[in-house]
Amino acid sequence: MSAPADHDPEQLLARWWHDYTVTDEDEDMLTAEERLAVTAPFGQTWPGTAPGRTFSAEPDAMAEQFARVFLAQHPHARLGLVAAPRGADALTTVGWDGPVNYDNDTAAFSAVIRMF
């Protein structure tokens, strides 16, 4: 497995977009038209990343608010801490295999999440 810093997130997103929109219909459950409808209005052309957002709240205040709401909705949830240099890197550090059927390199997903 690679490291998140080994990847350019915009190149990854562009490649994933291309791979999703250009497919072999014999191996897919969607027709070419159905697949392009998912990415409408952009079609096969990668539109690039969306403009960034600024938040009016401080990050710590937002995290506290999120935690309170989450715990209120999921009172039996447990918190897990991961020793990672960034929150996005926690996926790679713990060896998350969520995307195993899409991309076997979890660091690629960490690289994209680092953008936000």
PDB file of N, CA and C in Angstrom:
ATOM      1  N   MET A   1       0.846  -1.174   0.000  1.00  0.00           N
ATOM      2  CA  MET A   1       0.000   0.000   0.000  1.00  0.00           C
ATOM      3  C   MET A   1       0.892   1.238   0.000  1.00  0.00           C
ATOM      4  N   SER A   2       0.416   2.270  -0.622  1.00  0.00           N
ATOM      5  CA  SER A   2       1.160   3.523  -0.705  1.00  0.00           C
ATOM      6  C   SER A   2       0.803   4.430   0.474  1.00  0.00           C
ATOM      7  N   ALA A   3       1.284   5.653   0.414  1.00  0.00           N
ATOM      8  CA  ALA A   3       0.968   6.669   1.415  1.00  0.00           C
ATOM      9  C   ALA A   3       0.083   7.733   0.770  1.00  0.00           C
ATOM     10  N   PRO A   4      -0.773   8.398   1.536  1.00  0.00           N
ATOM     11  CA  PRO A   4      -1.637   9.424   0.966  1.00  0.00           C
ATOM     12  C   PRO A   4      -0.868  10.508   0.192  1.00  0.00           C
ATOM     13  N   ALA A   5       0.310  10.874   0.684  1.00  0.00           N
ATOM     14  CA  ALA A   5       1.092  11.930   0.020  1.00  0.00           C
ATOM     15  C   ALA A   5       1.616  11.500  -1.353  1.00  0.00           C
ATOM     16  N   ASP A   6       1.543  10.212  -1.653  1.00  0.00           N
ATOM     17  CA  ASP A   6       2.013   9.708  -2.945  1.00  0.00           C
ATOM     18  C   ASP A   6       1.039  10.000  -4.081  1.00  0.00           C
ATOM     19  N   HIS A   7      -0.136  10.515  -3.767  1.00  0.00           N
ATOM     20  CA  HIS A   7      -1.206  10.669  -4.763  1.00  0.00           C
ATOM     21  C   HIS A   7      -1.600  12.128  -4.958  1.00  0.00           C
ATOM     22  N   ASP A   8      -1.919  12.469  -6.185  1.00  0.00           N
ATOM     23  CA  ASP A   8      -2.499  13.771  -6.503  1.00  0.00           C
ATOM     24  C   ASP A   8      -4.018  13.568  -6.512  1.00  0.00           C
ATOM     25  N   PRO A   9      -4.746  14.146  -5.549  1.00  0.00           N
ATOM     26  CA  PRO A   9      -6.179  13.874  -5.450  1.00  0.00           C
ATOM     27  C   PRO A   9      -6.977  14.272  -6.681  1.00  0.00           C
ATOM     28  N   GLU A  10      -6.612  15.381  -7.329  1.00  0.00           N
ATOM     29  CA  GLU A  10      -7.361  15.777  -8.522  1.00  0.00           C
ATOM     30  C   GLU A  10      -7.154  14.789  -9.663  1.00  0.00           C
ATOM     31  N   GLN A  11      -5.940  14.265  -9.796  1.00  0.00           N
ATOM     32  CA  GLN A  11      -5.693  13.247 -10.823  1.00  0.00           C
ATOM     33  C   GLN A  11      -6.463  11.966 -10.507  1.00  0.00           C
ATOM     34  N   LEU A  12      -6.520  11.595  -9.236  1.00  0.00           N
ATOM     35  CA  LEU A  12      -7.289  10.414  -8.846  1.00  0.00           C
ATOM     36  C   LEU A  12      -8.761  10.583  -9.200  1.00  0.00           C
ATOM     37  N   LEU A  13      -9.330  11.723  -8.817  1.00  0.00           N
ATOM     38  CA  LEU A  13     -10.746  11.960  -9.092  1.00  0.00           C
ATOM     39  C   LEU A  13     -11.025  11.967 -10.593  1.00  0.00           C
ATOM     40  N   ALA A  14     -10.143  12.566 -11.370  1.00  0.00           N
ATOM     41  CA  ALA A  14     -10.319  12.582 -12.829  1.00  0.00           C
ATOM     42  C   ALA A  14     -10.256  11.162 -13.393  1.00  0.00           C
ATOM     43  N   ARG A  15      -9.314  10.355 -12.899  1.00  0.00           N
ATOM     44  CA  ARG A  15      -9.195   8.972 -13.385  1.00  0.00           C
ATOM     45  C   ARG A  15     -10.423   8.163 -12.991  1.00  0.00           C
ATOM     46  N   TRP A  16     -10.883   8.318 -11.743  1.00  0.00           N
ATOM     47  CA  TRP A  16     -12.064   7.580 -11.301  1.00  0.00           C
ATOM     48  C   TRP A  16     -13.286   7.994 -12.114  1.00  0.00           C
ATOM     49  N   TRP A  17     -13.388   9.280 -12.412  1.00  0.00           N
ATOM     50  CA  TRP A  17     -14.511   9.773 -13.236  1.00  0.00           C
ATOM     51  C   TRP A  17     -14.462   9.099 -14.603  1.00  0.00           C
ATOM     52  N   HIS A  18     -13.286   9.106 -15.201  1.00  0.00           N
ATOM     53  CA  HIS A  18     -13.125   8.485 -16.517  1.00  0.00           C
ATOM     54  C   HIS A  18     -13.469   7.001 -16.456  1.00  0.00           C
ATOM     55  N   ASP A  19     -12.931   6.308 -15.461  1.00  0.00           N
ATOM     56  CA  ASP A  19     -13.182   4.874 -15.329  1.00  0.00           C
ATOM     57  C   ASP A  19     -14.671   4.587 -15.137  1.00  0.00           C
ATOM     58  N   TYR A  20     -15.376   5.477 -14.458  1.00  0.00           N
ATOM     59  CA  TYR A  20     -16.794   5.278 -14.218  1.00  0.00           C
ATOM     60  C   TYR A  20     -17.614   5.530 -15.476  1.00  0.00           C
ATOM     61  N   THR A  21     -17.250   6.549 -16.242  1.00  0.00           N
ATOM     62  CA  THR A  21     -18.072   6.922 -17.388  1.00  0.00           C
ATOM     63  C   THR A  21     -17.742   6.135 -18.648  1.00  0.00           C
ATOM     64  N   VAL A  22     -16.555   5.580 -18.735  1.00  0.00           N
ATOM     65  CA  VAL A  22     -16.167   4.796 -19.901  1.00  0.00           C
ATOM     66  C   VAL A  22     -16.031   3.353 -19.440  1.00  0.00           C
ATOM     67  N   THR A  23     -16.974   2.525 -19.826  1.00  0.00           N
ATOM     68  CA  THR A  23     -16.973   1.154 -19.334  1.00  0.00           C
ATOM     69  C   THR A  23     -17.379   0.185 -20.428  1.00  0.00           C
ATOM     70  N   ASP A  24     -17.093  -1.062 -20.212  1.00  0.00           N
ATOM     71  CA  ASP A  24     -17.482  -2.122 -21.125  1.00  0.00           C
ATOM     72  C   ASP A  24     -18.900  -2.548 -20.763  1.00  0.00           C
ATOM     73  N   GLU A  25     -19.849  -2.293 -21.650  1.00  0.00           N
ATOM     74  CA  GLU A  25     -21.247  -2.600 -21.355  1.00  0.00           C
ATOM     75  C   GLU A  25     -21.483  -4.075 -21.109  1.00  0.00           C
ATOM     76  N   ASP A  26     -20.620  -4.945 -21.636  1.00  0.00           N
ATOM     77  CA  ASP A  26     -20.792  -6.375 -21.417  1.00  0.00           C
ATOM     78  C   ASP A  26     -20.558  -6.763 -19.958  1.00  0.00           C
ATOM     79  N   GLU A  27     -19.796  -5.947 -19.229  1.00  0.00           N
ATOM     80  CA  GLU A  27     -19.474  -6.260 -17.835  1.00  0.00           C
ATOM     81  C   GLU A  27     -20.204  -5.354 -16.850  1.00  0.00           C
ATOM     82  N   ASP A  28     -21.173  -4.588 -17.319  1.00  0.00           N
ATOM     83  CA  ASP A  28     -21.838  -3.620 -16.467  1.00  0.00           C
ATOM     84  C   ASP A  28     -23.339  -3.830 -16.506  1.00  0.00           C
ATOM     85  N   MET A  29     -23.989  -3.487 -15.403  1.00  0.00           N
ATOM     86  CA  MET A  29     -25.444  -3.609 -15.344  1.00  0.00           C
ATOM     87  C   MET A  29     -26.136  -2.385 -15.933  1.00  0.00           C
ATOM     88  N   LEU A  30     -25.407  -1.285 -16.119  1.00  0.00           N
ATOM     89  CA  LEU A  30     -25.973  -0.069 -16.678  1.00  0.00           C
ATOM     90  C   LEU A  30     -25.607   0.060 -18.153  1.00  0.00           C
ATOM     91  N   THR A  31     -26.499   0.634 -18.914  1.00  0.00           N
ATOM     92  CA  THR A  31     -26.154   0.955 -20.298  1.00  0.00           C
ATOM     93  C   THR A  31     -25.281   2.200 -20.284  1.00  0.00           C
ATOM     94  N   ALA A  32     -24.664   2.497 -21.412  1.00  0.00           N
ATOM     95  CA  ALA A  32     -23.833   3.698 -21.510  1.00  0.00           C
ATOM     96  C   ALA A  32     -24.666   4.943 -21.205  1.00  0.00           C
ATOM     97  N   GLU A  33     -25.900   4.989 -21.683  1.00  0.00           N
ATOM     98  CA  GLU A  33     -26.778   6.143 -21.453  1.00  0.00           C
ATOM     99  C   GLU A  33     -27.119   6.282 -19.973  1.00  0.00           C
ATOM    100  N   GLU A  34     -27.406   5.158 -19.303  1.00  0.00           N
ATOM    101  CA  GLU A  34     -27.716   5.202 -17.873  1.00  0.00           C
ATOM    102  C   GLU A  34     -26.507   5.660 -17.066  1.00  0.00           C
ATOM    103  N   ARG A  35     -25.343   5.202 -17.449  1.00  0.00           N
ATOM    104  CA  ARG A  35     -24.126   5.585 -16.744  1.00  0.00           C
ATOM    105  C   ARG A  35     -23.866   7.082 -16.905  1.00  0.00           C
ATOM    106  N   LEU A  36     -24.050   7.615 -18.096  1.00  0.00           N
ATOM    107  CA  LEU A  36     -23.843   9.049 -18.324  1.00  0.00           C
ATOM    108  C   LEU A  36     -24.890   9.887 -17.599  1.00  0.00           C
ATOM    109  N   ALA A  37     -26.079   9.329 -17.406  1.00  0.00           N
ATOM    110  CA  ALA A  37     -27.119  10.061 -16.672  1.00  0.00           C
ATOM    111  C   ALA A  37     -26.693  10.294 -15.223  1.00  0.00           C
ATOM    112  N   VAL A  38     -25.908   9.384 -14.678  1.00  0.00           N
ATOM    113  CA  VAL A  38     -25.431   9.532 -13.300  1.00  0.00           C
ATOM    114  C   VAL A  38     -24.505  10.740 -13.179  1.00  0.00           C
ATOM    115  N   THR A  39     -23.729  11.018 -14.197  1.00  0.00           N
ATOM    116  CA  THR A  39     -22.765  12.114 -14.144  1.00  0.00           C
ATOM    117  C   THR A  39     -23.263  13.372 -14.855  1.00  0.00           C
ATOM    118  N   ALA A  40     -24.544  13.403 -15.227  1.00  0.00           N
ATOM    119  CA  ALA A  40     -25.109  14.578 -15.887  1.00  0.00           C
ATOM    120  C   ALA A  40     -25.027  15.772 -14.940  1.00  0.00           C
ATOM    121  N   PRO A  41     -24.821  16.954 -15.407  1.00  0.00           N
ATOM    122  CA  PRO A  41     -24.749  17.362 -16.803  1.00  0.00           C
ATOM    123  C   PRO A  41     -23.340  17.291 -17.396  1.00  0.00           C
ATOM    124  N   PHE A  42     -22.400  16.686 -16.700  1.00  0.00           N
ATOM    125  CA  PHE A  42     -21.012  16.726 -17.142  1.00  0.00           C
ATOM    126  C   PHE A  42     -20.634  15.626 -18.117  1.00  0.00           C
ATOM    127  N   GLY A  43     -21.360  14.520 -18.110  1.00  0.00           N
ATOM    128  CA  GLY A  43     -21.044  13.429 -19.019  1.00  0.00           C
ATOM    129  C   GLY A  43     -19.690  12.819 -18.724  1.00  0.00           C
ATOM    130  N   GLN A  44     -18.916  12.561 -19.765  1.00  0.00           N
ATOM    131  CA  GLN A  44     -17.616  11.920 -19.605  1.00  0.00           C
ATOM    132  C   GLN A  44     -16.514  12.911 -19.267  1.00  0.00           C
ATOM    133  N   THR A  45     -16.808  14.186 -19.327  1.00  0.00           N
ATOM    134  CA  THR A  45     -15.798  15.201 -19.072  1.00  0.00           C
ATOM    135  C   THR A  45     -15.710  15.513 -17.584  1.00  0.00           C
ATOM    136  N   TRP A  46     -14.533  15.254 -17.003  1.00  0.00           N
ATOM    137  CA  TRP A  46     -14.304  15.555 -15.583  1.00  0.00           C
ATOM    138  C   TRP A  46     -14.456  17.047 -15.365  1.00  0.00           C
ATOM    139  N   PRO A  47     -15.380  17.487 -14.487  1.00  0.00           N
ATOM    140  CA  PRO A  47     -15.621  18.913 -14.283  1.00  0.00           C
ATOM    141  C   PRO A  47     -14.622  19.590 -13.351  1.00  0.00           C
ATOM    142  N   GLY A  48     -13.750  18.832 -12.735  1.00  0.00           N
ATOM    143  CA  GLY A  48     -12.829  19.409 -11.759  1.00  0.00           C
ATOM    144  C   GLY A  48     -13.486  19.476 -10.401  1.00  0.00           C
ATOM    145  N   THR A  49     -12.746  19.946  -9.439  1.00  0.00           N
ATOM    146  CA  THR A  49     -13.285  20.002  -8.084  1.00  0.00           C
ATOM    147  C   THR A  49     -14.186  21.215  -7.912  1.00  0.00           C
ATOM    148  N   ALA A  50     -15.096  21.125  -6.977  1.00  0.00           N
ATOM    149  CA  ALA A  50     -15.995  22.228  -6.674  1.00  0.00           C
ATOM    150  C   ALA A  50     -15.231  23.293  -5.894  1.00  0.00           C
ATOM    151  N   PRO A  51     -15.694  24.530  -5.929  1.00  0.00           N
ATOM    152  CA  PRO A  51     -15.026  25.571  -5.148  1.00  0.00           C
ATOM    153  C   PRO A  51     -15.099  25.237  -3.658  1.00  0.00           C
ATOM    154  N   GLY A  52     -14.088  25.653  -2.927  1.00  0.00           N
ATOM    155  CA  GLY A  52     -14.036  25.400  -1.489  1.00  0.00           C
ATOM    156  C   GLY A  52     -15.108  26.165  -0.741  1.00  0.00           C
ATOM    157  N   ARG A  53     -15.380  25.707   0.468  1.00  0.00           N
ATOM    158  CA  ARG A  53     -16.345  26.380   1.330  1.00  0.00           C
ATOM    159  C   ARG A  53     -15.618  26.930   2.546  1.00  0.00           C
ATOM    160  N   THR A  54     -16.146  28.000   3.067  1.00  0.00           N
ATOM    161  CA  THR A  54     -15.648  28.499   4.341  1.00  0.00           C
ATOM    162  C   THR A  54     -16.757  28.308   5.367  1.00  0.00           C
ATOM    163  N   PHE A  55     -16.368  27.991   6.557  1.00  0.00           N
ATOM    164  CA  PHE A  55     -17.332  27.745   7.613  1.00  0.00           C
ATOM    165  C   PHE A  55     -17.280  28.893   8.605  1.00  0.00           C
ATOM    166  N   SER A  56     -18.452  29.294   9.071  1.00  0.00           N
ATOM    167  CA  SER A  56     -18.501  30.412  10.008  1.00  0.00           C
ATOM    168  C   SER A  56     -18.097  29.975  11.419  1.00  0.00           C
ATOM    169  N   ALA A  57     -18.294  28.710  11.748  1.00  0.00           N
ATOM    170  CA  ALA A  57     -17.962  28.227  13.090  1.00  0.00           C
ATOM    171  C   ALA A  57     -16.499  27.795  13.160  1.00  0.00           C
ATOM    172  N   GLU A  58     -15.964  27.839  14.348  1.00  0.00           N
ATOM    173  CA  GLU A  58     -14.607  27.350  14.584  1.00  0.00           C
ATOM    174  C   GLU A  58     -14.605  25.820  14.483  1.00  0.00           C
ATOM    175  N   PRO A  59     -13.526  25.221  13.992  1.00  0.00           N
ATOM    176  CA  PRO A  59     -13.485  23.761  13.850  1.00  0.00           C
ATOM    177  C   PRO A  59     -13.781  23.002  15.143  1.00  0.00           C
ATOM    178  N   ASP A  60     -13.232  23.453  16.269  1.00  0.00           N
ATOM    179  CA  ASP A  60     -13.478  22.759  17.536  1.00  0.00           C
ATOM    180  C   ASP A  60     -14.951  22.839  17.933  1.00  0.00           C
ATOM    181  N   ALA A  61     -15.573  23.980  17.699  1.00  0.00           N
ATOM    182  CA  ALA A  61     -16.994  24.141  18.027  1.00  0.00           C
ATOM    183  C   ALA A  61     -17.845  23.255  17.127  1.00  0.00           C
ATOM    184  N   MET A  62     -17.468  23.169  15.827  1.00  0.00           N
ATOM    185  CA  MET A  62     -18.206  22.295  14.908  1.00  0.00           C
ATOM    186  C   MET A  62     -18.068  20.835  15.326  1.00  0.00           C
ATOM    187  N   ALA A  63     -16.868  20.419  15.712  1.00  0.00           N
ATOM    188  CA  ALA A  63     -16.629  19.037  16.129  1.00  0.00           C
ATOM    189  C   ALA A  63     -17.442  18.711  17.376  1.00  0.00           C
ATOM    190  N   GLU A  64     -17.468  19.637  18.323  1.00  0.00           N
ATOM    191  CA  GLU A  64     -18.238  19.404  19.546  1.00  0.00           C
ATOM    192  C   GLU A  64     -19.726  19.278  19.240  1.00  0.00           C
ATOM    193  N   GLN A  65     -20.230  20.160  18.377  1.00  0.00           N
ATOM    194  CA  GLN A  65     -21.646  20.110  18.012  1.00  0.00           C
ATOM    195  C   GLN A  65     -21.964  18.787  17.311  1.00  0.00           C
ATOM    196  N   PHE A  66     -21.119  18.379  16.379  1.00  0.00           N
ATOM    197  CA  PHE A  66     -21.329  17.120  15.675  1.00  0.00           C
ATOM    198  C   PHE A  66     -21.328  15.955  16.662  1.00  0.00           C
ATOM    199  N   ALA A  67     -20.372  15.947  17.575  1.00  0.00           N
ATOM    200  CA  ALA A  67     -20.269  14.855  18.551  1.00  0.00           C
ATOM    201  C   ALA A  67     -21.523  14.773  19.410  1.00  0.00           C
ATOM    202  N   ARG A  68     -22.025  15.925  19.853  1.00  0.00           N
ATOM    203  CA  ARG A  68     -23.230  15.930  20.691  1.00  0.00           C
ATOM    204  C   ARG A  68     -24.436  15.366  19.929  1.00  0.00           C
ATOM    205  N   VAL A  69     -24.621  15.794  18.687  1.00  0.00           N
ATOM    206  CA  VAL A  69     -25.749  15.312  17.888  1.00  0.00           C
ATOM    207  C   VAL A  69     -25.591  13.816  17.608  1.00  0.00           C
ATOM    208  N   PHE A  70     -24.383  13.406  17.229  1.00  0.00           N
ATOM    209  CA  PHE A  70     -24.130  11.997  16.939  1.00  0.00           C
ATOM    210  C   PHE A  70     -24.419  11.121  18.149  1.00  0.00           C
ATOM    211  N   LEU A  71     -23.910  11.525  19.306  1.00  0.00           N
ATOM    212  CA  LEU A  71     -24.124  10.728  20.519  1.00  0.00           C
ATOM    213  C   LEU A  71     -25.587  10.705  20.937  1.00  0.00           C
ATOM    214  N   ALA A  72     -26.307  11.786  20.693  1.00  0.00           N
ATOM    215  CA  ALA A  72     -27.731  11.813  21.016  1.00  0.00           C
ATOM    216  C   ALA A  72     -28.494  10.812  20.135  1.00  0.00           C
ATOM    217  N   GLN A  73     -28.072  10.673  18.896  1.00  0.00           N
ATOM    218  CA  GLN A  73     -28.739   9.755  17.967  1.00  0.00           C
ATOM    219  C   GLN A  73     -28.230   8.320  18.090  1.00  0.00           C
ATOM    220  N   HIS A  74     -27.025   8.148  18.597  1.00  0.00           N
ATOM    221  CA  HIS A  74     -26.396   6.823  18.712  1.00  0.00           C
ATOM    222  C   HIS A  74     -25.781   6.671  20.110  1.00  0.00           C
ATOM    223  N   PRO A  75     -26.616   6.526  21.134  1.00  0.00           N
ATOM    224  CA  PRO A  75     -26.098   6.528  22.505  1.00  0.00           C
ATOM    225  C   PRO A  75     -25.152   5.369  22.833  1.00  0.00           C
ATOM    226  N   HIS A  76     -25.156   4.300  22.070  1.00  0.00           N
ATOM    227  CA  HIS A  76     -24.290   3.157  22.355  1.00  0.00           C
ATOM    228  C   HIS A  76     -23.028   3.156  21.498  1.00  0.00           C
ATOM    229  N   ALA A  77     -22.794   4.218  20.758  1.00  0.00           N
ATOM    230  CA  ALA A  77     -21.599   4.302  19.906  1.00  0.00           C
ATOM    231  C   ALA A  77     -20.344   4.398  20.774  1.00  0.00           C
ATOM    232  N   ARG A  78     -19.257   3.913  20.237  1.00  0.00           N
ATOM    233  CA  ARG A  78     -17.969   3.982  20.928  1.00  0.00           C
ATOM    234  C   ARG A  78     -16.990   4.745  20.057  1.00  0.00           C
ATOM    235  N   LEU A  79     -16.119   5.480  20.691  1.00  0.00           N
ATOM    236  CA  LEU A  79     -15.129   6.282  20.003  1.00  0.00           C
ATOM    237  C   LEU A  79     -13.838   5.504  19.877  1.00  0.00           C
ATOM    238  N   GLY A  80     -13.256   5.527  18.687  1.00  0.00           N
ATOM    239  CA  GLY A  80     -11.961   4.896  18.482  1.00  0.00           C
ATOM    240  C   GLY A  80     -10.945   5.949  18.094  1.00  0.00           C
ATOM    241  N   LEU A  81      -9.801   5.925  18.697  1.00  0.00           N
ATOM    242  CA  LEU A  81      -8.742   6.880  18.387  1.00  0.00           C
ATOM    243  C   LEU A  81      -7.678   6.197  17.538  1.00  0.00           C
ATOM    244  N   VAL A  82      -7.175   6.916  16.555  1.00  0.00           N
ATOM    245  CA  VAL A  82      -6.169   6.381  15.648  1.00  0.00           C
ATOM    246  C   VAL A  82      -4.984   7.332  15.644  1.00  0.00           C
ATOM    247  N   ALA A  83      -3.807   6.804  15.833  1.00  0.00           N
ATOM    248  CA  ALA A  83      -2.589   7.619  15.799  1.00  0.00           C
ATOM    249  C   ALA A  83      -2.211   7.854  14.340  1.00  0.00           C
ATOM    250  N   ALA A  84      -2.674   8.966  13.802  1.00  0.00           N
ATOM    251  CA  ALA A  84      -2.410   9.319  12.400  1.00  0.00           C
ATOM    252  C   ALA A  84      -2.078  10.801  12.344  1.00  0.00           C
ATOM    253  N   PRO A  85      -1.220  11.195  11.405  1.00  0.00           N
ATOM    254  CA  PRO A  85      -0.842  12.607  11.316  1.00  0.00           C
ATOM    255  C   PRO A  85      -2.000  13.529  10.948  1.00  0.00           C
ATOM    256  N   ARG A  86      -2.991  12.999  10.250  1.00  0.00           N
ATOM    257  CA  ARG A  86      -4.183  13.769   9.861  1.00  0.00           C
ATOM    258  C   ARG A  86      -5.396  12.856   9.969  1.00  0.00           C
ATOM    259  N   GLY A  87      -6.548  13.444  10.160  1.00  0.00           N
ATOM    260  CA  GLY A  87      -7.768  12.644  10.236  1.00  0.00           C
ATOM    261  C   GLY A  87      -7.989  11.806   8.987  1.00  0.00           C
ATOM    262  N   ALA A  88      -7.713  12.381   7.824  1.00  0.00           N
ATOM    263  CA  ALA A  88      -7.905  11.652   6.567  1.00  0.00           C
ATOM    264  C   ALA A  88      -6.993  10.438   6.475  1.00  0.00           C
ATOM    265  N   ASP A  89      -5.853  10.494   7.123  1.00  0.00           N
ATOM    266  CA  ASP A  89      -4.894   9.389   7.064  1.00  0.00           C
ATOM    267  C   ASP A  89      -5.313   8.217   7.949  1.00  0.00           C
ATOM    268  N   ALA A  90      -6.301   8.424   8.815  1.00  0.00           N
ATOM    269  CA  ALA A  90      -6.745   7.346   9.705  1.00  0.00           C
ATOM    270  C   ALA A  90      -7.244   6.150   8.898  1.00  0.00           C
ATOM    271  N   LEU A  91      -7.884   6.393   7.764  1.00  0.00           N
ATOM    272  CA  LEU A  91      -8.357   5.286   6.923  1.00  0.00           C
ATOM    273  C   LEU A  91      -7.213   4.371   6.531  1.00  0.00           C
ATOM    274  N   THR A  92      -6.112   4.961   6.101  1.00  0.00           N
ATOM    275  CA  THR A  92      -4.951   4.195   5.675  1.00  0.00           C
ATOM    276  C   THR A  92      -4.267   3.543   6.873  1.00  0.00           C
ATOM    277  N   THR A  93      -4.147   4.289   7.969  1.00  0.00           N
ATOM    278  CA  THR A  93      -3.455   3.792   9.151  1.00  0.00           C
ATOM    279  C   THR A  93      -4.100   2.527   9.703  1.00  0.00           C
ATOM    280  N   VAL A  94      -5.440   2.488   9.746  1.00  0.00           N
ATOM    281  CA  VAL A  94      -6.128   1.320  10.303  1.00  0.00           C
ATOM    282  C   VAL A  94      -6.320   0.215   9.277  1.00  0.00           C
ATOM    283  N   GLY A  95      -5.949   0.466   8.022  1.00  0.00           N
ATOM    284  CA  GLY A  95      -6.089  -0.558   6.994  1.00  0.00           C
ATOM    285  C   GLY A  95      -7.522  -0.765   6.548  1.00  0.00           C
ATOM    286  N   TRP A  96      -8.301   0.315   6.525  1.00  0.00           N
ATOM    287  CA  TRP A  96      -9.697   0.249   6.089  1.00  0.00           C
ATOM    288  C   TRP A  96      -9.767  -0.421   4.727  1.00  0.00           C
ATOM    289  N   ASP A  97     -10.670  -1.376   4.575  1.00  0.00           N
ATOM    290  CA  ASP A  97     -10.795  -2.061   3.293  1.00  0.00           C
ATOM    291  C   ASP A  97     -12.159  -1.840   2.661  1.00  0.00           C
ATOM    292  N   GLY A  98     -12.795  -0.740   2.995  1.00  0.00           N
ATOM    293  CA  GLY A  98     -14.104  -0.408   2.433  1.00  0.00           C
ATOM    294  C   GLY A  98     -14.146  -0.377   0.917  1.00  0.00           C
ATOM    295  N   PRO A  99     -13.137   0.167   0.259  1.00  0.00           N
ATOM    296  CA  PRO A  99     -13.195   0.260  -1.196  1.00  0.00           C
ATOM    297  C   PRO A  99     -12.537  -0.926  -1.911  1.00  0.00           C
ATOM    298  N   VAL A 100     -12.411  -2.065  -1.232  1.00  0.00           N
ATOM    299  CA  VAL A 100     -11.626  -3.169  -1.773  1.00  0.00           C
ATOM    300  C   VAL A 100     -12.086  -3.605  -3.169  1.00  0.00           C
ATOM    301  N   ASN A 101     -13.331  -3.451  -3.490  1.00  0.00           N
ATOM    302  CA  ASN A 101     -13.803  -3.847  -4.820  1.00  0.00           C
ATOM    303  C   ASN A 101     -13.669  -2.727  -5.850  1.00  0.00           C
ATOM    304  N   TYR A 102     -13.152  -1.596  -5.421  1.00  0.00           N
ATOM    305  CA  TYR A 102     -13.003  -0.463  -6.347  1.00  0.00           C
ATOM    306  C   TYR A 102     -11.540  -0.102  -6.542  1.00  0.00           C
ATOM    307  N   ASP A 103     -10.823   0.027  -5.458  1.00  0.00           N
ATOM    308  CA  ASP A 103      -9.406   0.372  -5.506  1.00  0.00           C
ATOM    309  C   ASP A 103      -8.767  -0.229  -4.265  1.00  0.00           C
ATOM    310  N   ASN A 104      -7.760  -1.024  -4.440  1.00  0.00           N
ATOM    311  CA  ASN A 104      -7.143  -1.710  -3.307  1.00  0.00           C
ATOM    312  C   ASN A 104      -6.187  -0.830  -2.505  1.00  0.00           C
ATOM    313  N   ASP A 105      -5.985   0.388  -2.923  1.00  0.00           N
ATOM    314  CA  ASP A 105      -5.045   1.282  -2.244  1.00  0.00           C
ATOM    315  C   ASP A 105      -5.810   2.329  -1.445  1.00  0.00           C
ATOM    316  N   THR A 106      -6.020   2.062  -0.169  1.00  0.00           N
ATOM    317  CA  THR A 106      -6.777   2.970   0.685  1.00  0.00           C
ATOM    318  C   THR A 106      -6.142   4.345   0.773  1.00  0.00           C
ATOM    319  N   ALA A 107      -4.845   4.426   0.589  1.00  0.00           N
ATOM    320  CA  ALA A 107      -4.165   5.725   0.649  1.00  0.00           C
ATOM    321  C   ALA A 107      -4.696   6.685  -0.410  1.00  0.00           C
ATOM    322  N   ALA A 108      -5.176   6.165  -1.522  1.00  0.00           N
ATOM    323  CA  ALA A 108      -5.756   7.026  -2.559  1.00  0.00           C
ATOM    324  C   ALA A 108      -6.988   7.751  -2.015  1.00  0.00           C
ATOM    325  N   PHE A 109      -7.799   7.047  -1.250  1.00  0.00           N
ATOM    326  CA  PHE A 109      -8.983   7.667  -0.674  1.00  0.00           C
ATOM    327  C   PHE A 109      -8.613   8.671   0.408  1.00  0.00           C
ATOM    328  N   SER A 110      -7.594   8.349   1.190  1.00  0.00           N
ATOM    329  CA  SER A 110      -7.102   9.293   2.192  1.00  0.00           C
ATOM    330  C   SER A 110      -6.612  10.569   1.510  1.00  0.00           C
ATOM    331  N   ALA A 111      -5.944  10.441   0.381  1.00  0.00           N
ATOM    332  CA  ALA A 111      -5.440  11.610  -0.346  1.00  0.00           C
ATOM    333  C   ALA A 111      -6.584  12.517  -0.782  1.00  0.00           C
ATOM    334  N   VAL A 112      -7.663  11.922  -1.255  1.00  0.00           N
ATOM    335  CA  VAL A 112      -8.815  12.726  -1.685  1.00  0.00           C
ATOM    336  C   VAL A 112      -9.465  13.401  -0.483  1.00  0.00           C
ATOM    337  N   ILE A 113      -9.613  12.692   0.612  1.00  0.00           N
ATOM    338  CA  ILE A 113     -10.246  13.272   1.803  1.00  0.00           C
ATOM    339  C   ILE A 113      -9.386  14.391   2.375  1.00  0.00           C
ATOM    340  N   ARG A 114      -8.075  14.302   2.204  1.00  0.00           N
ATOM    341  CA  ARG A 114      -7.194  15.375   2.678  1.00  0.00           C
ATOM    342  C   ARG A 114      -7.538  16.718   2.039  1.00  0.00           C
ATOM    343  N   MET A 115      -8.159  16.714   0.883  1.00  0.00           N
ATOM    344  CA  MET A 115      -8.496  17.959   0.196  1.00  0.00           C
ATOM    345  C   MET A 115      -9.488  18.802   0.988  1.00  0.00           C
ATOM    346  N   PHE A 116     -10.262  18.160   1.845  1.00  0.00           N
ATOM    347  CA  PHE A 116     -11.369  18.853   2.498  1.00  0.00           C
ATOM    348  C   PHE A 116     -11.103  19.187   3.924  1.00  0.00           C
TER     349      PHE A 116
END
